[in-house]
Amino acid sequence: MIFYLKLGPLLEQGLRLLRQWRHRARSRRQLLALDEQRLKDTGLSRAEALREGCKPFWQS
């Protein structure tokens, strides 16, 4: 029981990190898929989208 109490917050933190990584990866794939008009609507250039979209998921 004591082991679980110590491990619980660590597991929660790990799951939170995995969700954040998954969100970043999905967002970056979507960013790379935007056409020129959508990029213009968001105020990003293709170069900026590529720079952000090509980052590894673990890098903020």
C-alpha atoms as a PDB file:
ATOM      1  CA  MET A   1       0.000   0.000   0.000  1.00  0.00           C
ATOM      2  CA  ILE A   2       2.745   2.461   0.879  1.00  0.00           C
ATOM      3  CA  PHE A   3       4.511   1.629  -2.407  1.00  0.00           C
ATOM      4  CA  TYR A   4       1.329   2.485  -4.363  1.00  0.00           C
ATOM      5  CA  LEU A   5       0.943   5.813  -2.556  1.00  0.00           C
ATOM      6  CA  LYS A   6       4.453   6.831  -3.579  1.00  0.00           C
ATOM      7  CA  LEU A   7       4.068   5.539  -7.132  1.00  0.00           C
ATOM      8  CA  GLY A   8       0.616   7.096  -7.756  1.00  0.00           C
ATOM      9  CA  PRO A   9       1.766  10.700  -8.279  1.00  0.00           C
ATOM     10  CA  LEU A  10       4.662   9.508 -10.426  1.00  0.00           C
ATOM     11  CA  LEU A  11       2.291   7.540 -12.665  1.00  0.00           C
ATOM     12  CA  GLU A  12      -0.050  10.521 -12.919  1.00  0.00           C
ATOM     13  CA  GLN A  13       2.838  12.766 -13.923  1.00  0.00           C
ATOM     14  CA  GLY A  14       3.989  10.231 -16.511  1.00  0.00           C
ATOM     15  CA  LEU A  15       0.505   9.935 -18.000  1.00  0.00           C
ATOM     16  CA  ARG A  16       0.188  13.717 -18.122  1.00  0.00           C
ATOM     17  CA  LEU A  17       3.497  13.922 -19.986  1.00  0.00           C
ATOM     18  CA  LEU A  18       2.426  11.243 -22.469  1.00  0.00           C
ATOM     19  CA  ARG A  19      -0.847  13.097 -23.157  1.00  0.00           C
ATOM     20  CA  GLN A  20       1.083  16.323 -23.702  1.00  0.00           C
ATOM     21  CA  TRP A  21       3.469  14.614 -26.142  1.00  0.00           C
ATOM     22  CA  ARG A  22       0.567  13.047 -28.033  1.00  0.00           C
ATOM     23  CA  HIS A  23      -1.155  16.426 -28.287  1.00  0.00           C
ATOM     24  CA  ARG A  24       2.028  18.094 -29.572  1.00  0.00           C
ATOM     25  CA  ALA A  25       2.594  15.390 -32.176  1.00  0.00           C
ATOM     26  CA  ARG A  26      -1.003  15.628 -33.417  1.00  0.00           C
ATOM     27  CA  SER A  27      -0.944  19.439 -33.489  1.00  0.00           C
ATOM     28  CA  ARG A  28       2.309  19.498 -35.417  1.00  0.00           C
ATOM     29  CA  ARG A  29       1.017  17.011 -37.992  1.00  0.00           C
ATOM     30  CA  GLN A  30      -2.070  19.175 -38.444  1.00  0.00           C
ATOM     31  CA  LEU A  31       0.078  22.300 -38.790  1.00  0.00           C
ATOM     32  CA  LEU A  32       2.154  20.663 -41.532  1.00  0.00           C
ATOM     33  CA  ALA A  33      -1.035  19.718 -43.373  1.00  0.00           C
ATOM     34  CA  LEU A  34      -2.368  23.292 -43.563  1.00  0.00           C
ATOM     35  CA  ASP A  35      -2.572  24.875 -47.000  1.00  0.00           C
ATOM     36  CA  GLU A  36      -1.184  28.332 -47.745  1.00  0.00           C
ATOM     37  CA  GLN A  37      -4.512  30.091 -47.147  1.00  0.00           C
ATOM     38  CA  ARG A  38      -4.966  28.499 -43.722  1.00  0.00           C
ATOM     39  CA  LEU A  39      -1.399  29.400 -42.774  1.00  0.00           C
ATOM     40  CA  LYS A  40      -2.059  32.970 -43.867  1.00  0.00           C
ATOM     41  CA  ASP A  41      -5.236  32.998 -41.746  1.00  0.00           C
ATOM     42  CA  THR A  42      -3.201  31.968 -38.701  1.00  0.00           C
ATOM     43  CA  GLY A  43      -0.443  34.472 -39.425  1.00  0.00           C
ATOM     44  CA  LEU A  44       2.238  31.865 -40.074  1.00  0.00           C
ATOM     45  CA  SER A  45       4.562  31.482 -43.008  1.00  0.00           C
ATOM     46  CA  ARG A  46       5.323  28.079 -44.513  1.00  0.00           C
ATOM     47  CA  ALA A  47       8.856  28.344 -43.063  1.00  0.00           C
ATOM     48  CA  GLU A  48       7.493  28.971 -39.557  1.00  0.00           C
ATOM     49  CA  ALA A  49       5.051  26.089 -39.901  1.00  0.00           C
ATOM     50  CA  LEU A  50       7.842  23.786 -41.058  1.00  0.00           C
ATOM     51  CA  ARG A  51      10.130  24.876 -38.238  1.00  0.00           C
ATOM     52  CA  GLU A  52       7.445  24.164 -35.623  1.00  0.00           C
ATOM     53  CA  GLY A  53       5.945  21.135 -37.335  1.00  0.00           C
ATOM     54  CA  CYS A  54       9.253  19.324 -37.690  1.00  0.00           C
ATOM     55  CA  LYS A  55      10.189  19.577 -34.017  1.00  0.00           C
ATOM     56  CA  PRO A  56      10.230  16.283 -32.126  1.00  0.00           C
ATOM     57  CA  PHE A  57       7.140  15.740 -29.967  1.00  0.00           C
ATOM     58  CA  TRP A  58       9.143  15.919 -26.742  1.00  0.00           C
ATOM     59  CA  GLN A  59      10.478  19.401 -27.555  1.00  0.00           C
ATOM     60  CA  SER A  60       8.342  22.410 -26.667  1.00  0.00           C
END
